[in-house]
């Protein structure tokens, strides 16, 4: 397929898919989008956290208080224009990510992307940001799991580009999706990390084609962790993914350091 092809939505298809939440209003996508593997790092890399951190009293192993966890979230100011506070979950989430596959571990990946349980459990705190120019959406969360559990999730994510490099899934509307999973490089921050790029392509009965592109990143910084997706129908700014990893790790490490200083 030529990279120049753009996806137009006939009126009949538009009414049907909007009723079921397949695409965002006014959304369009182009296949073959290319992004740099990494963007210039906006901040210095983060030093490894001190191994002498005090053990957590929380059952999930996290060292941050609720207030610190909230402060560790990134926001629209961190990423700059055109990012703004989210207006709600993107409508393509139900339309494209709510799908079933018989490809073993790949269902677990689809479920994690749809539910936002990227670290294997509900987030402790989370925030959503929208790119008003491209209609991409970034959903960022601070995890609530023990470091060993986070590392197990990261190890599982590393297997996805092999186990689920390419598979098919079927949406609730019966659309057959071609899903591809690739490894995505991340800035070398924190203690452990993993990035993936997931694309979901489908064609309607009227031969209209749609492509969802999603960056996934998960990072552990000491006993705490964060994860996010940056996704959309159309251009997904890879530089925002790189910046969110860099800024998120730096902020989490800084807040952890402040917490230790208060002990």
Protein backbone atom coordinates (compact mmCIF):
# COMPACT_ATOMS: atom_id res chain seq x y z
CA UNK A 1 0.00 0.00 0.00
CA UNK A 2 1.31 3.45 -0.91
CA UNK A 3 2.22 5.64 2.08
CA UNK A 4 0.38 8.49 0.33
CA UNK A 5 -3.03 6.81 0.67
CA UNK A 6 -5.29 8.65 3.08
CA UNK A 7 -8.39 7.23 4.64
CA UNK A 8 -11.72 8.88 3.77
CA UNK A 9 -14.88 8.03 5.64
CA UNK A 10 -18.07 7.73 3.56
CA UNK A 11 -21.18 9.10 5.25
CA UNK A 12 -22.75 5.67 5.77
CA UNK A 13 -19.59 4.26 7.34
CA UNK A 14 -19.09 7.39 9.45
CA UNK A 15 -22.55 7.11 11.01
CA UNK A 16 -22.03 3.44 11.76
CA UNK A 17 -18.60 3.71 13.29
CA UNK A 18 -19.39 6.80 15.31
CA UNK A 19 -22.33 4.96 16.84
CA UNK A 20 -20.00 2.19 17.98
CA UNK A 21 -16.98 4.31 18.83
CA UNK A 22 -14.65 3.02 16.09
CA UNK A 23 -12.93 6.31 15.34
CA UNK A 24 -12.73 9.80 16.76
CA UNK A 25 -14.75 12.50 15.03
CA UNK A 26 -12.86 13.97 12.12
CA UNK A 27 -10.11 11.35 12.48
CA UNK A 28 -8.14 10.11 9.52
CA UNK A 29 -5.01 8.03 9.22
CA UNK A 30 -2.25 7.34 6.77
CA UNK A 31 -0.48 4.02 6.58
CA UNK A 32 3.27 3.84 6.43
CA UNK A 33 3.90 6.64 8.90
CA UNK A 34 7.57 6.90 9.81
CA UNK A 35 9.00 8.19 13.06
CA UNK A 36 12.54 8.58 14.31
CA UNK A 37 13.69 5.69 16.46
CA UNK A 38 14.58 8.11 19.21
CA UNK A 39 14.18 11.83 19.69
CA UNK A 40 16.90 14.13 21.08
CA UNK A 41 16.85 13.75 24.85
CA UNK A 42 15.32 16.91 26.35
CA UNK A 43 16.95 16.32 29.74
CA UNK A 44 20.07 14.62 31.13
CA UNK A 45 19.74 10.93 31.85
CA UNK A 46 18.83 9.96 35.39
CA UNK A 47 21.35 8.56 37.84
CA UNK A 48 20.56 5.16 39.30
CA UNK A 49 18.65 5.50 42.59
CA UNK A 50 20.49 4.86 45.82
CA UNK A 51 20.40 1.16 46.84
CA UNK A 52 20.03 2.23 50.49
CA UNK A 53 16.43 3.34 50.15
CA UNK A 54 14.24 2.55 53.16
CA UNK A 55 11.97 -0.44 52.73
CA UNK A 56 8.35 0.38 51.96
CA UNK A 57 5.57 -0.23 54.46
CA UNK A 58 2.97 -0.35 51.67
CA UNK A 59 1.74 -3.80 50.59
CA UNK A 60 2.52 -2.97 46.94
CA UNK A 61 6.15 -2.12 47.78
CA UNK A 62 5.91 1.49 46.57
CA UNK A 63 7.92 4.09 48.51
CA UNK A 64 5.82 7.12 47.57
CA UNK A 65 2.97 8.58 49.58
CA UNK A 66 -0.30 9.24 47.75
CA UNK A 67 0.63 12.92 47.46
CA UNK A 68 4.07 12.08 46.06
CA UNK A 69 2.61 9.65 43.54
CA UNK A 70 0.25 12.36 42.30
CA UNK A 71 3.13 14.83 42.06
CA UNK A 72 5.16 12.32 40.04
CA UNK A 73 2.68 12.41 37.15
CA UNK A 74 3.64 14.40 34.08
CA UNK A 75 1.30 17.08 32.71
CA UNK A 76 0.62 19.17 29.62
CA UNK A 77 3.15 21.78 30.73
CA UNK A 78 5.91 19.17 30.62
CA UNK A 79 5.20 18.27 26.99
CA UNK A 80 4.23 21.77 25.85
CA UNK A 81 1.86 22.80 23.06
CA UNK A 82 -0.23 21.32 21.52
CA UNK A 83 -0.72 18.92 24.46
CA UNK A 84 -3.68 19.67 26.73
CA UNK A 85 -5.57 17.95 29.53
CA UNK A 86 -7.63 15.12 28.08
CA UNK A 87 -11.28 15.51 27.16
CA UNK A 88 -11.93 11.82 27.82
CA UNK A 89 -10.96 8.40 26.50
CA UNK A 90 -10.52 8.31 22.73
CA UNK A 91 -13.42 6.63 20.93
CA UNK A 92 -11.08 4.32 19.00
CA UNK A 93 -10.26 2.59 22.29
CA UNK A 94 -13.51 0.59 22.30
CA UNK A 95 -13.63 0.36 18.52
CA UNK A 96 -10.15 -1.08 17.92
CA UNK A 97 -8.58 -2.27 21.18
CA UNK A 98 -11.60 -4.20 22.43
CA UNK A 99 -10.83 -7.28 20.34
CA UNK A 100 -10.28 -11.01 20.65
CA UNK A 101 -7.50 -13.22 19.31
CA UNK A 102 -6.60 -16.90 19.60
CA UNK A 103 -2.89 -16.09 19.41
CA UNK A 104 -1.90 -17.13 22.94
CA UNK A 105 -0.12 -14.40 24.90
CA UNK A 106 -1.29 -11.77 22.40
CA UNK A 107 -4.73 -11.59 24.04
CA UNK A 108 -3.05 -10.60 27.29
CA UNK A 109 -1.34 -7.74 25.45
CA UNK A 110 -4.60 -6.53 23.89
CA UNK A 111 -6.32 -6.70 27.28
CA UNK A 112 -3.54 -4.71 28.95
CA UNK A 113 -3.72 -2.01 26.26
CA UNK A 114 -7.50 -1.76 26.45
CA UNK A 115 -7.73 -1.77 30.26
CA UNK A 116 -4.67 0.46 30.79
CA UNK A 117 -3.25 -2.14 33.19
CA UNK A 118 0.14 -1.91 31.54
CA UNK A 119 2.03 -3.04 34.65
CA UNK A 120 -0.29 -5.95 35.32
CA UNK A 121 -2.59 -4.20 37.80
CA UNK A 122 -4.72 -1.05 38.05
CA UNK A 123 -2.70 2.16 38.18
CA UNK A 124 -2.17 3.92 41.49
CA UNK A 125 -2.65 7.35 39.89
CA UNK A 126 -3.06 8.26 36.22
CA UNK A 127 -3.50 11.20 33.85
CA UNK A 128 -4.57 11.62 30.23
CA UNK A 129 -3.24 14.19 27.75
CA UNK A 130 -4.47 15.01 24.24
CA UNK A 131 -2.53 16.35 21.25
CA UNK A 132 -4.98 18.84 19.75
CA UNK A 133 -3.13 18.89 16.42
CA UNK A 134 -2.88 15.16 15.67
CA UNK A 135 -5.65 13.85 17.97
CA UNK A 136 -3.14 11.52 19.58
CA UNK A 137 -3.73 10.65 23.22
CA UNK A 138 -1.17 9.93 25.93
CA UNK A 139 -2.33 7.99 29.01
CA UNK A 140 0.27 8.04 31.80
CA UNK A 141 0.20 6.14 35.10
CA UNK A 142 2.22 5.50 38.24
CA UNK A 143 2.25 1.80 39.08
CA UNK A 144 1.28 0.07 42.30
CA UNK A 145 3.29 -3.16 42.20
CA UNK A 146 6.40 -4.55 43.84
CA UNK A 147 9.68 -4.14 41.90
CA UNK A 148 9.96 -7.89 41.27
CA UNK A 149 6.44 -7.92 39.81
CA UNK A 150 7.24 -4.93 37.60
CA UNK A 151 10.42 -6.61 36.37
CA UNK A 152 8.38 -9.71 35.51
CA UNK A 153 6.02 -7.58 33.43
CA UNK A 154 8.96 -5.89 31.68
CA UNK A 155 10.45 -9.30 30.90
CA UNK A 156 7.11 -10.39 29.43
CA UNK A 157 6.84 -7.24 27.32
CA UNK A 158 10.30 -7.96 25.89
CA UNK A 159 8.96 -11.23 24.48
CA UNK A 160 6.09 -9.58 22.61
CA UNK A 161 8.02 -8.60 19.44
CA UNK A 162 8.79 -12.31 19.00
CA UNK A 163 5.70 -14.05 20.38
CA UNK A 164 3.26 -11.53 18.93
CA UNK A 165 5.21 -10.00 16.07
CA UNK A 166 2.13 -10.26 13.84
CA UNK A 167 -1.30 -11.71 14.58
CA UNK A 168 -4.96 -11.22 13.74
CA UNK A 169 -7.73 -10.13 16.08
CA UNK A 170 -11.47 -9.55 15.66
CA UNK A 171 -13.41 -6.58 17.05
CA UNK A 172 -16.93 -6.71 18.47
CA UNK A 173 -18.16 -5.41 15.10
CA UNK A 174 -16.54 -8.34 13.36
CA UNK A 175 -13.71 -6.33 11.81
CA UNK A 176 -10.56 -8.40 11.31
CA UNK A 177 -7.43 -6.59 12.48
CA UNK A 178 -3.82 -7.05 11.44
CA UNK A 179 -1.78 -6.36 14.59
CA UNK A 180 1.99 -5.92 14.54
CA UNK A 181 4.28 -5.52 17.55
CA UNK A 182 7.83 -4.16 17.37
CA UNK A 183 10.43 -3.20 19.93
CA UNK A 184 10.80 0.56 20.41
CA UNK A 185 14.01 2.11 21.81
CA UNK A 186 13.71 4.27 24.92
CA UNK A 187 16.11 6.64 26.69
CA UNK A 188 18.31 4.70 29.13
CA UNK A 189 16.80 6.02 32.33
CA UNK A 190 15.70 4.34 35.55
CA UNK A 191 16.68 0.80 36.53
CA UNK A 192 14.71 -1.17 33.93
CA UNK A 193 12.54 -0.27 30.96
CA UNK A 194 10.80 -1.60 27.87
CA UNK A 195 9.22 0.08 24.87
CA UNK A 196 6.95 -1.33 22.16
CA UNK A 197 5.29 0.03 19.05
CA UNK A 198 1.96 -1.60 18.24
CA UNK A 199 0.02 -1.01 15.03
CA UNK A 200 -3.56 -2.14 14.45
CA UNK A 201 -4.83 -2.06 10.86
CA UNK A 202 -8.29 -2.99 9.65
CA UNK A 203 -10.51 -2.63 6.57
CA UNK A 204 -14.28 -2.14 6.60
CA UNK A 205 -16.72 -3.89 4.28
CA UNK A 206 -16.61 -0.72 2.15
CA UNK A 207 -12.83 -1.09 1.71
CA UNK A 208 -12.06 1.84 3.98
CA UNK A 209 -8.76 1.31 5.81
CA UNK A 210 -7.82 2.44 9.32
CA UNK A 211 -4.54 2.36 11.18
CA UNK A 212 -4.04 2.85 14.92
CA UNK A 213 -0.43 3.46 15.98
CA UNK A 214 0.48 3.05 19.64
CA UNK A 215 3.75 3.58 21.52
CA UNK A 216 3.98 1.77 24.86
CA UNK A 217 6.62 2.48 27.50
CA UNK A 218 7.15 1.03 30.99
CA UNK A 219 9.96 2.08 33.34
CA UNK A 220 11.00 1.08 36.87
CA UNK A 221 12.86 3.64 39.00
CA UNK A 222 13.96 1.98 42.23
CA UNK A 223 10.90 0.56 44.01
CA UNK A 224 8.47 2.62 41.93
CA UNK A 225 7.41 2.53 38.30
CA UNK A 226 5.43 4.27 35.60
CA UNK A 227 3.99 3.33 32.23
CA UNK A 228 2.06 4.99 29.42
CA UNK A 229 0.70 4.68 25.91
CA UNK A 230 0.89 7.36 23.22
CA UNK A 231 -1.55 6.48 20.48
CA UNK A 232 -3.81 7.79 17.75
CA UNK A 233 -5.33 7.48 14.30
CA UNK A 234 -2.89 9.50 12.24
CA UNK A 235 0.45 10.95 13.22
CA UNK A 236 1.71 9.81 16.63
CA UNK A 237 4.55 12.11 17.75
CA UNK A 238 7.45 9.88 18.78
CA UNK A 239 9.24 12.84 20.35
CA UNK A 240 6.42 13.01 22.92
CA UNK A 241 7.07 9.36 23.82
CA UNK A 242 10.77 10.00 24.29
CA UNK A 243 10.16 13.17 26.33
CA UNK A 244 7.56 11.48 28.55
CA UNK A 245 10.01 8.68 29.41
CA UNK A 246 12.82 11.12 30.13
CA UNK A 247 10.78 13.61 32.15
CA UNK A 248 8.81 10.91 33.93
CA UNK A 249 11.92 9.08 35.12
CA UNK A 250 13.62 12.28 36.24
CA UNK A 251 10.56 13.44 38.17
CA UNK A 252 9.99 10.08 39.82
CA UNK A 253 13.65 9.85 40.87
CA UNK A 254 13.56 13.40 42.23
CA UNK A 255 10.41 12.81 44.27
CA UNK A 256 11.84 9.55 45.60
CA UNK A 257 14.95 11.44 46.68
CA UNK A 258 12.84 14.09 48.41
CA UNK A 259 10.93 11.37 50.24
CA UNK A 260 14.15 9.75 51.49
CA UNK A 261 15.45 13.10 52.70
CA UNK A 262 12.33 13.47 54.86
CA UNK A 263 12.74 10.04 56.51
